Amino acid sequence: MIWAIGFVCSIAVAGLAYWKKSLSASGAAAAVAVGTLLYALGNLAWYGTLLAFFISSTLCSKWKHHRKAAAESGYAKGGRRDAGQVAANGGLGALFCVAHALWPHPLWWSAFVGVMAAVNADTWATEIGGLSRSAPRSILTGRVVTAGTSGGITGLGLAASAAGGLFIGAAAWLLQLGAAAHEALIAEGAVAELPFLLLLGLIGGMCGSLTDSLLGATYQAMYRCPSCGREVEKPQHCGVPAKRIRGLSFFTNDTVNMLSSLLGAAVCAGIGLLLS
């Protein structure tokens, strides 16, 4: 029954997201698989934290989209997430949930919160930072770069990154309370304290987001469009093939997202180990 409930809930959420053009067909299918796993093998806290990331990041993507359109035209992926993005953002979290179901330990939850904080912080930094009135600067050199350049950061983007991580920490705490109440598990030590989860959200989110920018400025494959001369993340732009100018050909945006979220998980698991 719990698998059926998770599947139906995930179908409903993914179907609505597909209808609103927030997920592609492959992205919706991947979201159903990830959501069902988190609900069936975890609980409301695991499933709800993923949902908190997805809803908040989707709203950020849609907010003042017309003002960010020029910068987003150079991104490898648009606002409509495909299976690769869902796997990069939620796949690792699903693996931690499976691991927790097989070998229960609080560190799996800390790592999961780290993943969600990292991907949410990065998304908020990109979407809200894209509205900054100040030009972004390279995380490597500090020089001003064009809006949308991979590895570019702004003060607004850094603030949004911190807020995105804290949001996940707060959401995880509230959802954990709800799950514990539902399962009659409220007891000393049964629910992680709010300051602890806020710390995980803030540090995991900032580490993941900054790592994303650093990898984007160094190893991610970047191309130059021969038509408009822009530096972009995808091998085609303006309808013509673009020339790779730096980075590794296999190091895509999804690779960057996966590694950044993995670091966020590792940092939060380390914090959980130190404070346990």
Foldseek 3Di string as FASTA:
>chain_A
DQLVVQLVVLLVVLVVCVVVLQAPPQRSVLSSVLSSLCPNLPHQLLNVLVVLLSVVLLVLCPPVVVLLVVLQLQEPDHSHDHNLQCCLQRVVLSVLSVVCSVPNDCLSVLLSLLSSLQVSLQSQLLSQVSPDPDFWAAPPPRHGDHRNQQRTGDPRSLVSLQVRLLSSLQSSQVSQVVRCVVVVNDDVPSGDDSVLSSVLSRVSSNQLNNQLSVCSVAAQWWWAAPPPRDIHRDQDHPRHGTHTDHHDPVRHSSNSSNVSSSVSSVVSSVVVVVVD
